[in-house]
N, C-alpha and C. Protein backbone atom coordinates (compact mmCIF):
# COMPACT_ATOMS: atom_id res chain seq x y z
N UNK A 1 102.30 37.16 39.93
CA UNK A 1 102.47 35.67 39.46
C UNK A 1 101.03 34.83 39.81
N UNK A 2 100.23 34.42 38.71
CA UNK A 2 99.35 33.50 38.94
C UNK A 2 99.60 32.32 39.19
N UNK A 3 99.03 31.56 40.01
CA UNK A 3 99.65 30.48 40.85
C UNK A 3 98.87 29.22 41.14
N UNK A 4 98.91 28.18 40.71
CA UNK A 4 98.04 26.98 40.80
C UNK A 4 98.76 25.96 42.13
N UNK A 5 98.01 25.90 42.99
CA UNK A 5 98.75 24.39 43.80
C UNK A 5 97.81 23.26 43.53
N UNK A 6 98.74 22.10 43.53
CA UNK A 6 98.39 20.85 43.33
C UNK A 6 99.08 20.13 44.15
N UNK A 7 97.92 19.26 45.21
CA UNK A 7 98.52 18.78 46.25
C UNK A 7 97.60 17.51 46.64
N UNK A 8 97.50 16.55 46.93
CA UNK A 8 96.43 15.70 47.35
C UNK A 8 96.01 15.70 48.83
N UNK A 9 96.69 16.71 49.52
CA UNK A 9 96.59 16.47 50.59
C UNK A 9 96.11 18.20 51.30
N UNK A 10 94.87 17.92 51.69
CA UNK A 10 94.09 19.24 51.73
C UNK A 10 94.94 20.24 52.87
N UNK A 11 95.43 19.88 54.00
CA UNK A 11 96.10 20.53 54.61
C UNK A 11 97.61 21.01 54.14
N UNK A 12 98.00 20.57 53.31
CA UNK A 12 99.23 20.88 52.57
C UNK A 12 99.06 21.59 51.49
N UNK A 13 97.70 21.79 51.07
CA UNK A 13 97.37 22.92 50.11
C UNK A 13 96.93 24.41 50.80
N UNK A 14 96.32 23.98 52.00
CA UNK A 14 96.14 25.21 52.95
C UNK A 14 97.52 25.91 53.34
N UNK A 15 98.42 25.24 53.63
CA UNK A 15 99.89 25.67 54.01
C UNK A 15 100.47 26.54 52.97
N UNK A 16 100.10 25.89 51.93
CA UNK A 16 100.65 26.45 50.44
C UNK A 16 100.13 27.48 50.51
N UNK A 17 99.00 27.90 50.54
CA UNK A 17 98.15 29.10 50.37
C UNK A 17 98.57 30.19 51.20
N UNK A 18 98.67 29.40 52.75
CA UNK A 18 99.24 30.62 53.74
C UNK A 18 100.64 31.00 53.30
N UNK A 19 101.55 30.33 52.72
CA UNK A 19 102.86 30.77 52.54
C UNK A 19 102.77 31.84 51.03
N UNK A 20 102.16 31.32 50.49
CA UNK A 20 101.65 32.31 49.07
C UNK A 20 101.13 33.73 49.75
N UNK A 21 100.34 33.76 50.81
CA UNK A 21 99.78 35.08 51.14
C UNK A 21 100.97 35.85 51.54
N UNK A 22 102.23 35.23 51.66
CA UNK A 22 103.09 36.20 52.37
C UNK A 22 104.11 36.88 51.24
N UNK A 23 103.85 36.53 50.20
CA UNK A 23 104.18 37.25 48.71
C UNK A 23 103.24 38.34 47.87
N UNK A 24 103.57 39.56 48.27
CA UNK A 24 102.42 40.11 47.18
C UNK A 24 102.29 39.94 45.68
N UNK A 25 103.03 39.56 45.10
CA UNK A 25 102.94 39.36 43.63
C UNK A 25 102.27 38.22 43.04
N UNK A 26 101.99 37.20 44.29
CA UNK A 26 101.20 35.87 43.92
C UNK A 26 99.97 36.37 44.16
N UNK A 27 99.12 35.51 43.00
CA UNK A 27 97.69 35.24 43.02
C UNK A 27 97.37 33.81 43.20
N UNK A 28 96.56 33.10 43.82
CA UNK A 28 96.07 31.96 43.55
C UNK A 28 95.18 32.08 42.65
N UNK A 29 94.91 30.93 41.64
CA UNK A 29 94.13 30.98 40.90
C UNK A 29 93.03 29.74 40.92
N UNK A 30 93.80 28.97 41.57
CA UNK A 30 93.22 27.54 41.40
C UNK A 30 93.97 26.53 42.55
N UNK A 31 93.30 25.41 42.82
CA UNK A 31 93.77 24.35 43.68
C UNK A 31 93.43 23.34 43.01
N UNK A 32 94.29 22.20 43.36
CA UNK A 32 93.79 20.86 42.12
C UNK A 32 94.46 19.87 43.69
N UNK A 33 93.60 18.46 43.88
CA UNK A 33 93.77 17.87 44.52
C UNK A 33 94.25 16.44 43.36
N UNK A 34 94.53 16.81 42.38
CA UNK A 34 95.01 15.67 41.46
C UNK A 34 95.59 16.21 40.15
N UNK A 35 96.50 15.67 39.38
CA UNK A 35 97.07 15.98 38.17
C UNK A 35 95.96 16.44 37.15
N UNK A 36 95.10 15.37 36.98
CA UNK A 36 93.85 15.31 35.87
C UNK A 36 93.27 16.63 36.15
N UNK A 37 92.99 17.17 37.10
CA UNK A 37 92.06 18.20 37.75
C UNK A 37 93.16 19.68 37.34
N UNK A 38 94.22 19.80 37.39
CA UNK A 38 95.36 20.38 36.97
C UNK A 38 95.39 20.40 35.55
N UNK A 39 95.31 19.28 35.19
CA UNK A 39 95.50 19.45 33.57
C UNK A 39 94.27 20.37 32.96
N UNK A 40 93.18 19.94 33.25
CA UNK A 40 92.07 20.80 33.13
C UNK A 40 91.86 22.27 32.90
N UNK A 41 92.49 22.32 34.53
CA UNK A 41 92.46 24.14 34.68
C UNK A 41 93.28 24.80 33.97
N UNK A 42 94.51 24.23 33.92
CA UNK A 42 95.60 24.81 32.88
C UNK A 42 95.34 24.81 31.46
N UNK A 43 94.01 24.42 31.09
CA UNK A 43 93.84 24.61 29.58
C UNK A 43 92.47 25.82 29.75
N UNK A 44 92.07 26.19 30.83
CA UNK A 44 91.26 27.24 30.97
C UNK A 44 91.73 28.78 31.58
N UNK A 45 92.67 28.13 32.54
CA UNK A 45 93.25 29.34 33.15
C UNK A 45 94.60 29.78 32.61
N UNK A 46 95.11 31.00 32.58
CA UNK A 46 96.66 31.40 32.45
C UNK A 46 96.98 31.29 34.01
N UNK A 47 98.27 30.40 33.98
CA UNK A 47 99.04 30.26 34.90
C UNK A 47 100.52 30.69 34.97
N UNK A 48 101.15 30.95 35.46
CA UNK A 48 102.58 31.42 35.46
C UNK A 48 103.53 30.67 36.66
N UNK A 49 102.72 29.97 37.25
CA UNK A 49 103.70 29.32 38.83
C UNK A 49 102.63 27.91 39.26
N UNK A 50 103.33 26.66 39.17
CA UNK A 50 102.44 25.91 39.84
C UNK A 50 103.36 25.28 40.88
N UNK A 51 102.70 25.35 41.98
CA UNK A 51 103.27 24.43 43.16
C UNK A 51 102.85 23.03 43.38
N UNK A 52 103.52 22.21 43.18
CA UNK A 52 103.20 20.61 42.68
C UNK A 52 103.80 19.79 43.51
N UNK A 53 102.93 18.98 44.18
CA UNK A 53 103.52 17.79 45.19
C UNK A 53 103.71 16.95 43.85
N UNK A 54 104.28 15.61 44.63
CA UNK A 54 105.04 14.70 43.48
C UNK A 54 104.37 13.46 43.58
N UNK A 55 103.98 12.92 44.63
CA UNK A 55 103.53 11.46 45.05
C UNK A 55 101.82 11.85 45.25
N UNK A 56 101.26 11.67 44.24
CA UNK A 56 99.63 11.77 44.33
C UNK A 56 98.89 10.24 43.47
N UNK A 57 97.80 10.16 43.75
CA UNK A 57 97.12 8.94 43.37
C UNK A 57 96.77 9.25 41.71
N UNK A 58 97.12 8.42 40.72
CA UNK A 58 96.80 8.42 39.22
C UNK A 58 97.88 8.69 38.91
N UNK A 59 98.37 10.19 38.51
CA UNK A 59 99.38 10.92 37.90
C UNK A 59 100.23 11.36 38.85
N UNK A 60 101.67 11.32 38.72
CA UNK A 60 102.51 12.07 40.03
C UNK A 60 102.83 13.38 39.10
N UNK A 61 103.40 13.92 40.34
CA UNK A 61 103.65 15.29 39.73
C UNK A 61 104.96 15.43 38.65
N UNK A 62 105.88 14.47 38.63
CA UNK A 62 107.11 14.41 37.64
C UNK A 62 106.09 13.93 36.31
N UNK A 63 105.05 13.00 36.12
CA UNK A 63 103.82 12.66 34.88
C UNK A 63 103.73 13.92 34.60
N UNK A 64 103.05 14.60 35.60
CA UNK A 64 102.43 15.75 35.05
C UNK A 64 103.02 16.78 34.42
N UNK A 65 104.53 16.79 34.89
CA UNK A 65 105.41 17.56 33.93
C UNK A 65 105.79 17.83 33.00
N UNK A 66 105.92 16.12 32.95
CA UNK A 66 106.41 15.63 31.39
C UNK A 66 105.61 16.11 30.65
N UNK A 67 104.01 15.76 30.77
CA UNK A 67 102.94 15.86 29.64
C UNK A 67 102.57 17.17 29.47
N UNK A 68 103.07 18.17 30.52
CA UNK A 68 102.75 19.77 29.96
C UNK A 68 103.77 20.02 28.65
N UNK A 69 104.79 19.00 28.51
CA UNK A 69 105.90 19.65 27.93
C UNK A 69 106.84 21.07 27.90
N UNK A 70 106.77 21.53 26.58
CA UNK A 70 107.73 22.79 27.07
C UNK A 70 106.66 24.38 27.13
N UNK A 71 105.72 23.58 26.91
CA UNK A 71 104.75 25.22 27.06
C UNK A 71 103.75 25.16 28.43
N UNK A 72 104.82 24.97 29.34
CA UNK A 72 104.14 24.90 30.62
C UNK A 72 104.53 25.92 31.28
N UNK A 73 103.85 26.39 32.70
CA UNK A 73 104.31 27.42 33.56
C UNK A 73 105.73 26.82 34.24
N UNK A 74 106.26 27.77 35.17
CA UNK A 74 107.31 27.44 35.87
C UNK A 74 106.58 26.78 37.10
N UNK A 75 107.43 25.57 37.57
CA UNK A 75 106.89 24.59 38.17
C UNK A 75 107.94 24.60 39.43
N UNK A 76 107.27 24.76 40.58
CA UNK A 76 108.22 24.29 41.98
C UNK A 76 107.67 23.10 42.58
N UNK A 77 108.62 22.00 42.58
CA UNK A 77 107.72 20.89 43.68
C UNK A 77 108.05 20.78 44.76
N UNK A 78 106.93 20.91 45.29
CA UNK A 78 106.54 20.80 47.03
C UNK A 78 106.42 19.34 47.50
N UNK A 79 107.34 18.82 48.25
CA UNK A 79 107.24 17.34 48.22
C UNK A 79 107.67 16.99 50.14
N UNK A 80 107.46 15.69 50.45
CA UNK A 80 107.90 15.26 51.51
C UNK A 80 109.00 14.39 51.43
N UNK A 81 109.36 13.72 50.35
CA UNK A 81 110.17 13.39 49.69
C UNK A 81 111.48 13.79 49.11
N UNK A 82 112.84 13.31 49.57
CA UNK A 82 113.90 13.90 48.83
C UNK A 82 114.47 12.85 47.66
N UNK A 83 114.00 12.06 47.29
CA UNK A 83 114.53 10.98 46.62
C UNK A 83 114.09 11.43 44.74
N UNK A 84 113.51 12.62 44.67
CA UNK A 84 113.15 12.43 43.70
C UNK A 84 113.69 13.67 43.07
N UNK A 85 114.48 14.35 44.11
CA UNK A 85 115.27 15.71 43.32
C UNK A 85 116.16 15.40 42.29
N UNK A 86 116.57 14.43 41.84
CA UNK A 86 117.66 14.54 40.56
C UNK A 86 116.58 14.16 39.67
N UNK A 87 115.50 13.72 39.40
CA UNK A 87 114.62 13.69 38.24
C UNK A 87 114.09 14.81 38.05
N UNK A 88 113.77 15.37 38.94
CA UNK A 88 112.86 16.51 39.18
C UNK A 88 113.71 17.97 38.47
N UNK A 89 114.92 17.81 38.51
CA UNK A 89 115.84 18.62 38.31
C UNK A 89 116.12 18.46 36.56
N UNK A 90 116.22 17.46 36.41
CA UNK A 90 116.41 17.12 35.10
C UNK A 90 115.25 17.61 34.09
N UNK A 91 114.12 18.16 34.65
CA UNK A 91 112.99 18.37 33.96
C UNK A 91 112.87 20.08 34.10
N UNK A 92 113.99 20.56 34.25
CA UNK A 92 114.23 21.87 34.52
C UNK A 92 112.96 22.75 35.44
N UNK A 93 113.22 22.45 36.57
CA UNK A 93 111.86 23.13 37.50
C UNK A 93 112.67 24.32 37.91
N UNK A 94 111.88 25.36 38.79
CA UNK A 94 112.73 26.12 39.24
C UNK A 94 113.37 25.66 40.54
N UNK A 95 112.67 24.81 41.30
CA UNK A 95 112.91 24.66 42.66
C UNK A 95 112.44 23.36 43.22
N UNK A 96 112.82 23.03 43.96
CA UNK A 96 112.23 21.54 44.95
C UNK A 96 112.74 21.67 46.30
N UNK A 97 111.20 21.92 47.03
CA UNK A 97 111.36 22.18 48.24
C UNK A 97 110.31 20.75 49.16
N UNK A 98 111.44 20.78 50.28
CA UNK A 98 110.87 19.58 50.87
C UNK A 98 109.66 20.07 52.09
N UNK A 99 108.66 19.47 52.48
CA UNK A 99 108.08 19.78 53.50
C UNK A 99 108.69 18.96 54.63
N UNK A 100 108.29 19.69 56.04
CA UNK A 100 107.76 21.03 56.22
C UNK A 100 108.42 22.55 55.67
N UNK A 101 107.69 22.99 54.97
CA UNK A 101 108.39 23.93 54.23
C UNK A 101 108.31 25.38 55.17
N UNK A 102 109.52 25.91 54.99
CA UNK A 102 109.61 27.03 55.94
C UNK A 102 109.51 28.67 54.86
N UNK A 103 108.80 29.78 55.95
CA UNK A 103 108.65 30.70 54.95
C UNK A 103 109.67 31.12 54.27
N UNK A 104 110.98 31.13 54.76
CA UNK A 104 112.10 31.65 54.42
C UNK A 104 112.99 30.92 53.11
N UNK A 105 112.61 29.55 53.13
CA UNK A 105 112.63 28.76 51.93
C UNK A 105 111.63 28.93 51.01
N UNK A 106 110.26 29.07 51.26
CA UNK A 106 109.46 29.33 50.24
C UNK A 106 109.89 30.50 49.66
N UNK A 107 110.02 31.59 50.15
CA UNK A 107 110.42 32.74 49.45
C UNK A 107 111.74 32.71 48.82
N UNK A 108 112.48 31.93 49.02
CA UNK A 108 113.68 31.96 48.31
C UNK A 108 113.03 31.16 47.00
N UNK A 109 112.60 29.89 46.97
CA UNK A 109 111.79 29.28 45.90
C UNK A 109 111.12 30.23 44.83
N UNK A 110 110.34 31.11 45.43
CA UNK A 110 109.38 31.99 44.69
C UNK A 110 110.62 32.98 43.78
N UNK A 111 111.49 33.35 44.82
CA UNK A 111 112.63 34.47 44.18
C UNK A 111 113.23 33.77 42.88
N UNK A 112 113.27 32.20 42.63
CA UNK A 112 114.06 31.65 41.46
C UNK A 112 112.92 31.80 40.69
N UNK A 113 111.65 31.65 40.86
CA UNK A 113 110.86 31.44 39.58
C UNK A 113 110.11 32.80 39.23
N UNK A 114 110.36 33.86 40.09
CA UNK A 114 110.52 35.38 39.30
C UNK A 114 111.40 35.62 38.27
N UNK A 115 112.71 35.21 38.78
CA UNK A 115 113.83 35.61 37.70
C UNK A 115 113.46 34.70 36.44
N UNK A 116 112.84 33.63 36.70
CA UNK A 116 112.46 32.54 35.36
C UNK A 116 111.46 33.68 34.29
N UNK A 117 110.68 33.88 35.03
CA UNK A 117 109.36 34.67 34.25
C UNK A 117 110.14 35.82 33.90
N UNK A 118 110.87 36.89 34.87
CA UNK A 118 111.54 37.82 34.64
C UNK A 118 112.31 37.75 32.94
N UNK A 119 113.15 36.74 33.07
CA UNK A 119 113.99 36.47 32.26
C UNK A 119 113.37 35.95 30.79
N UNK A 120 112.02 35.14 31.07
CA UNK A 120 111.40 34.96 29.60
C UNK A 120 110.71 36.11 29.27
N UNK A 121 110.23 36.94 29.65
CA UNK A 121 109.74 38.44 29.40
C UNK A 121 110.64 39.33 28.79
N UNK A 122 111.93 39.74 29.07
CA UNK A 122 113.05 39.76 28.56
C UNK A 122 113.36 39.46 27.01
N UNK A 123 113.66 38.22 27.24
CA UNK A 123 113.84 37.51 26.06
C UNK A 123 112.53 37.60 24.71
N UNK A 124 111.24 37.62 25.19
CA UNK A 124 110.08 37.73 24.45
C UNK A 124 110.47 39.31 23.91
N UNK A 125 110.71 40.45 24.48
CA UNK A 125 110.82 41.75 24.06
C UNK A 125 112.19 41.91 23.32
N UNK A 126 112.97 41.28 23.30
CA UNK A 126 114.37 41.17 22.59
C UNK A 126 114.12 40.41 21.42
N UNK A 127 113.14 39.65 21.14
CA UNK A 127 112.74 39.18 19.92
C UNK A 127 111.86 39.47 19.08
N UNK A 128 111.17 40.51 19.39
CA UNK A 128 109.92 41.28 18.87
C UNK A 128 110.40 41.47 17.06
N UNK A 129 112.00 41.99 16.91
CA UNK A 129 112.32 42.27 15.21
C UNK A 129 113.05 41.00 14.74
N UNK A 130 112.72 40.12 15.43
CA UNK A 130 113.15 38.62 14.75
C UNK A 130 112.84 38.58 13.30
N UNK A 131 113.33 37.55 12.60
CA UNK A 131 113.24 37.64 11.39
C UNK A 131 113.58 35.95 11.11
N UNK A 132 112.89 35.79 9.68
CA UNK A 132 113.46 34.10 9.24
C UNK A 132 113.90 34.57 7.52
N UNK A 133 114.77 33.65 7.25
CA UNK A 133 114.89 33.79 5.93
C UNK A 133 114.16 32.76 4.92
N UNK A 134 113.84 32.89 3.91
CA UNK A 134 112.68 32.25 2.94
C UNK A 134 113.35 31.81 1.76
N UNK A 135 112.89 31.09 0.88
CA UNK A 135 113.56 30.74 -0.33
C UNK A 135 111.99 31.03 -0.93
N UNK A 136 112.03 32.06 -1.60
CA UNK A 136 110.88 32.82 -2.58
C UNK A 136 111.28 32.66 -3.96
N UNK A 137 110.68 31.46 -4.59
CA UNK A 137 111.44 31.05 -6.07
C UNK A 137 112.82 30.97 -6.26
N UNK A 138 113.72 31.70 -6.64
CA UNK A 138 115.39 31.59 -6.95
C UNK A 138 115.65 32.73 -5.60
N UNK A 139 114.83 33.29 -4.95
CA UNK A 139 115.45 34.60 -4.23
C UNK A 139 115.48 34.27 -2.60
N UNK A 140 116.47 34.36 -1.85
CA UNK A 140 116.22 34.01 -0.40
C UNK A 140 116.28 35.35 0.09
N UNK A 141 115.11 35.20 0.72
CA UNK A 141 114.55 36.84 0.99
C UNK A 141 114.56 36.51 2.60
N UNK A 142 114.44 38.01 3.51
CA UNK A 142 114.22 38.01 4.86
C UNK A 142 112.81 38.39 5.11
N UNK A 143 112.41 37.78 6.02
CA UNK A 143 110.84 38.00 6.31
C UNK A 143 110.70 38.57 7.75
N UNK A 144 110.49 39.54 8.27
CA UNK A 144 110.35 39.68 9.91
C UNK A 144 108.83 38.57 10.23
N UNK A 145 109.11 38.23 11.39
CA UNK A 145 108.06 37.46 12.13
C UNK A 145 106.97 38.13 12.25
N UNK A 146 107.17 39.58 12.60
CA UNK A 146 106.03 40.10 12.84
C UNK A 146 104.88 40.69 11.64
N UNK A 147 105.48 40.48 10.43
CA UNK A 147 104.57 40.72 9.45
C UNK A 147 103.90 39.17 8.87
N UNK A 148 104.25 38.19 9.71
CA UNK A 148 103.45 36.84 9.23
C UNK A 148 101.92 36.85 9.92
N UNK A 149 100.92 36.78 9.01
CA UNK A 149 99.72 36.54 9.58
C UNK A 149 99.49 35.09 10.16
N UNK A 150 99.52 34.40 9.35
CA UNK A 150 99.72 32.88 9.50
C UNK A 150 100.12 31.63 8.58
N UNK A 151 100.01 30.36 8.59
CA UNK A 151 100.73 29.30 7.54
C UNK A 151 99.94 28.67 7.60
N UNK A 152 99.70 27.95 6.17
CA UNK A 152 99.07 27.27 5.70
C UNK A 152 99.73 25.87 4.74
N UNK A 153 99.22 24.94 5.10
CA UNK A 153 100.31 23.69 4.35
C UNK A 153 99.42 23.14 3.14
N UNK A 154 100.17 23.61 1.98
CA UNK A 154 99.36 23.00 0.68
C UNK A 154 100.22 22.06 -0.14
N UNK A 155 99.91 20.94 0.39
CA UNK A 155 100.69 19.83 -0.18
C UNK A 155 101.93 19.82 -0.14
N UNK A 156 102.86 19.88 -1.11
CA UNK A 156 104.05 19.85 -0.68
C UNK A 156 105.01 21.26 -0.42
N UNK A 157 104.05 22.00 -0.11
CA UNK A 157 104.09 23.64 -0.04
C UNK A 157 103.89 23.94 1.39
N UNK A 158 104.12 25.26 2.10
CA UNK A 158 103.59 26.03 2.84
C UNK A 158 103.39 26.99 2.61
N UNK A 159 102.40 28.07 2.54
CA UNK A 159 102.00 29.54 2.18
C UNK A 159 102.24 30.05 3.68
N UNK A 160 102.96 31.28 3.37
CA UNK A 160 103.09 32.51 4.65
C UNK A 160 102.50 33.27 4.18
N UNK A 161 101.38 33.74 4.97
CA UNK A 161 100.84 34.90 4.29
C UNK A 161 101.00 36.31 5.25
N UNK A 162 100.97 37.38 4.42
CA UNK A 162 101.72 38.43 5.63
C UNK A 162 100.27 39.51 4.82
N UNK A 163 100.10 40.46 5.29
CA UNK A 163 98.79 41.73 5.07
C UNK A 163 98.77 42.06 3.68
N UNK A 164 100.15 41.73 2.66
CA UNK A 164 100.13 41.97 1.39
C UNK A 164 100.21 40.88 0.21
N UNK A 165 100.74 39.73 0.63
CA UNK A 165 100.89 38.74 0.04
C UNK A 165 101.16 37.49 0.49
N UNK A 166 101.13 36.48 -0.02
CA UNK A 166 101.52 35.19 0.94
C UNK A 166 102.90 34.48 -0.16
N UNK A 167 103.89 33.85 0.56
CA UNK A 167 105.19 33.49 -0.29
C UNK A 167 104.81 31.73 -0.04
N UNK A 168 104.91 30.91 -0.84
CA UNK A 168 104.80 29.63 -1.29
C UNK A 168 106.15 29.10 -1.10
N UNK A 169 106.31 28.58 0.22
CA UNK A 169 107.74 27.72 0.14
C UNK A 169 107.75 26.18 0.50
N UNK A 170 109.03 25.71 -0.58
CA UNK A 170 108.70 24.17 -0.28
C UNK A 170 109.24 23.54 0.97
N UNK A 171 108.59 23.38 1.54
CA UNK A 171 108.47 22.73 3.13
C UNK A 171 107.40 21.87 3.78
N UNK A 172 107.56 21.40 4.78
CA UNK A 172 106.49 20.85 6.06
C UNK A 172 106.13 22.06 6.85
N UNK A 173 104.71 22.01 7.24
CA UNK A 173 104.12 22.87 8.31
C UNK A 173 104.75 22.63 9.95
N UNK A 174 105.53 21.14 9.48
CA UNK A 174 106.07 20.71 11.32
C UNK A 174 107.43 21.36 11.10
N UNK A 175 108.05 21.52 9.72
CA UNK A 175 109.19 22.46 9.60
C UNK A 175 109.40 23.55 10.17
N UNK A 176 108.21 24.42 9.54
CA UNK A 176 108.12 25.68 10.01
C UNK A 176 107.60 26.01 11.28
N UNK A 177 107.04 25.23 12.01
CA UNK A 177 106.37 25.22 13.47
C UNK A 177 107.77 25.12 14.01
N UNK A 178 108.58 24.46 13.57
CA UNK A 178 109.62 24.20 14.48
C UNK A 178 110.52 25.41 14.53
N UNK A 179 110.52 26.13 13.27
CA UNK A 179 111.63 27.88 13.27
C UNK A 179 110.57 28.40 14.04
N UNK A 180 109.56 29.02 14.14
CA UNK A 180 108.77 30.06 14.67
C UNK A 180 108.63 29.89 16.01
N UNK A 181 108.98 30.88 16.45
CA UNK A 181 108.81 31.13 18.25
C UNK A 181 107.29 30.78 18.91
N UNK A 182 107.57 29.96 19.85
CA UNK A 182 106.06 29.22 20.46
C UNK A 182 105.40 30.30 21.30
N UNK A 183 106.13 31.38 21.35
CA UNK A 183 105.06 32.70 22.27
C UNK A 183 104.54 33.48 21.27
N UNK A 184 104.82 33.32 20.03
CA UNK A 184 104.33 34.08 18.93
C UNK A 184 103.35 33.50 17.94
N UNK A 185 103.57 32.25 17.92
CA UNK A 185 102.71 31.24 16.74
C UNK A 185 102.25 30.16 17.23
N UNK A 186 100.67 29.26 17.13
CA UNK A 186 100.39 28.40 17.73
C UNK A 186 99.57 27.94 16.56
N UNK A 187 99.74 26.31 16.26
CA UNK A 187 99.02 25.30 15.77
C UNK A 187 97.96 25.42 15.76
N UNK A 188 96.67 25.71 15.29
CA UNK A 188 95.60 25.64 15.51
C UNK A 188 94.59 24.25 14.29
N UNK A 189 95.46 23.80 13.65
CA UNK A 189 94.86 22.72 12.90
C UNK A 189 95.49 22.14 12.20
N UNK A 190 95.76 21.10 11.67
CA UNK A 190 96.86 20.18 10.98
C UNK A 190 97.41 20.88 9.77
N UNK A 191 96.46 21.75 9.11
CA UNK A 191 97.05 22.50 7.94
C UNK A 191 97.30 24.23 8.31
N UNK A 192 97.19 24.33 9.37
CA UNK A 192 97.13 25.96 9.78
C UNK A 192 97.96 26.06 11.33
N UNK A 193 99.04 27.04 11.03
CA UNK A 193 99.03 27.87 12.41
C UNK A 193 99.14 29.47 12.30
N UNK A 194 99.01 29.87 13.54
CA UNK A 194 98.58 31.35 13.14
C UNK A 194 99.74 32.04 14.18
N UNK A 195 99.72 33.81 13.81
CA UNK A 195 100.32 34.64 14.74
C UNK A 195 99.20 34.84 15.80
N UNK A 196 99.35 34.70 17.15
CA UNK A 196 98.31 34.91 18.18
C UNK A 196 98.07 36.49 18.23
N UNK A 197 98.92 37.19 17.91
CA UNK A 197 98.81 38.92 18.21
C UNK A 197 97.82 39.23 16.77
N UNK A 198 97.60 38.45 15.41
CA UNK A 198 97.16 38.96 14.54
C UNK A 198 95.48 38.34 14.36
N UNK A 199 95.33 37.82 15.23
CA UNK A 199 93.47 37.25 15.48
C UNK A 199 92.58 38.40 15.66
N UNK A 200 91.47 38.65 14.92
CA UNK A 200 90.64 39.22 14.86
C UNK A 200 89.50 38.92 15.80
N UNK A 201 89.18 37.82 15.17
CA UNK A 201 87.60 37.49 16.19
C UNK A 201 87.86 35.93 15.93
N UNK A 202 87.32 35.17 16.52
CA UNK A 202 86.83 33.68 16.25
C UNK A 202 85.33 33.39 16.56
N UNK A 203 84.95 32.80 15.40
CA UNK A 203 83.53 32.89 15.02
C UNK A 203 83.11 31.45 14.38
N UNK A 204 82.20 30.67 14.88
CA UNK A 204 82.17 29.47 14.15
C UNK A 204 83.06 28.49 13.62
N UNK A 205 83.98 28.01 14.94
CA UNK A 205 85.02 27.10 14.92
C UNK A 205 86.03 27.76 13.63
N UNK A 206 86.53 29.16 13.60
CA UNK A 206 87.37 29.58 12.59
C UNK A 206 87.60 30.87 13.37
N UNK A 207 88.92 30.85 12.95
CA UNK A 207 89.76 32.42 13.29
C UNK A 207 89.20 33.39 12.50
N UNK A 208 89.32 34.64 12.31
CA UNK A 208 89.46 35.87 11.57
C UNK A 208 91.01 36.42 11.48
N UNK A 209 91.33 36.38 10.22
CA UNK A 209 92.50 37.19 10.60
C UNK A 209 92.85 37.82 9.45
N UNK A 210 92.77 39.39 9.76
CA UNK A 210 93.22 40.25 8.11
C UNK A 210 92.03 39.77 6.97
N UNK A 211 90.41 39.63 7.54
CA UNK A 211 89.76 39.35 6.66
C UNK A 211 89.72 37.77 6.14
N UNK A 212 90.50 37.15 6.24
CA UNK A 212 90.40 35.80 6.02
C UNK A 212 90.19 34.92 7.23
N UNK A 213 89.55 33.80 6.61
CA UNK A 213 89.01 32.68 7.80
C UNK A 213 89.99 31.58 7.69
N UNK A 214 90.49 31.22 8.96
CA UNK A 214 91.40 29.88 9.20
C UNK A 214 90.65 29.07 10.22
N UNK A 215 90.39 27.69 9.82
CA UNK A 215 89.96 26.81 10.29
C UNK A 215 90.32 26.47 11.83
N UNK A 216 89.84 26.17 12.86
CA UNK A 216 90.55 25.73 13.98
C UNK A 216 89.70 24.57 14.41
N UNK A 217 90.86 23.30 14.73
CA UNK A 217 90.64 22.14 14.52
C UNK A 217 90.01 21.93 16.28
N UNK A 218 89.25 20.95 16.56
CA UNK A 218 88.76 20.59 18.22
C UNK A 218 90.08 20.05 19.01
N UNK A 219 90.83 19.53 18.36
CA UNK A 219 91.85 18.97 19.08
C UNK A 219 92.75 20.40 19.56
N UNK A 220 92.54 21.43 18.61
CA UNK A 220 93.68 22.34 19.16
C UNK A 220 92.90 23.59 19.76
N UNK A 221 91.50 23.47 20.38
CA UNK A 221 90.66 24.43 20.83
C UNK A 221 91.18 24.73 22.03
N UNK A 222 91.34 23.92 22.87
CA UNK A 222 91.45 24.23 24.27
C UNK A 222 92.89 25.17 24.53
N UNK A 223 94.02 24.60 23.69
CA UNK A 223 95.19 25.62 23.83
C UNK A 223 94.97 26.73 23.28
N UNK A 224 94.37 26.92 22.37
CA UNK A 224 94.23 28.32 22.04
C UNK A 224 93.34 29.19 22.70
N UNK A 225 92.23 28.92 23.51
CA UNK A 225 91.60 29.38 24.16
C UNK A 225 92.40 29.82 25.69
N UNK A 226 93.29 28.61 25.85
CA UNK A 226 94.44 29.16 27.05
C UNK A 226 95.06 30.28 26.88
N UNK A 227 95.90 30.03 25.44
CA UNK A 227 96.75 30.95 24.85
C UNK A 227 96.19 32.53 24.79
N UNK A 228 95.08 32.26 24.60
CA UNK A 228 94.54 33.79 24.22
C UNK A 228 93.76 34.24 25.60
N UNK A 229 93.50 33.40 26.66
CA UNK A 229 92.88 33.89 27.78
C UNK A 229 91.72 33.97 27.76
N UNK A 230 91.12 33.34 26.79
CA UNK A 230 89.24 33.69 26.77
C UNK A 230 88.32 33.39 27.78
N UNK A 231 87.60 34.54 28.02
CA UNK A 231 87.04 34.26 29.37
C UNK A 231 85.67 33.32 28.83
């Protein structure tokens, strides 16, 4: 598990690193003293787990978690206060551990995080043959998600491109985005979303997918680089 430590207290960060060294499959990819630095690092690094303090200057750990939305790593709160526990668990975090943290309690929290990550991986494997139904003219057609290269908004329609052809559907790109799984597809422009596994190259501010250029807007570039783990 790639792990990020976020805590404004240097001694606390050192303690978390020492505890993490007890677990063989944890790799510390960074440490931050505030939430803003954490956001920037999360855009650049692939992170599976965040060990996150709550009371920090500027933006709290709770606020950071809310800002990350659904596309976030697994989070374990590490704090000296107990009064935030109810609000924290409403955010569906893996665990809430109170400082000072014992090795046994730390390992227990890591086990919970590992179970969540493994569950997510198994879900992704199960969904490889997923499909959606689309209305193609007067025919309702089954379309495998793995066949979709990218989607393009064109007025009142969205074109779903496959290697052989495209299907024009009377809908919005937002509606399509809500139907397609977030682990497989990503919005890269107000008019385009792409299948991440179908990207061939990125050049001159555009993606190349099956020989076709797909523009990437600046607002989506950081998210794209993060998902593709670009070095």
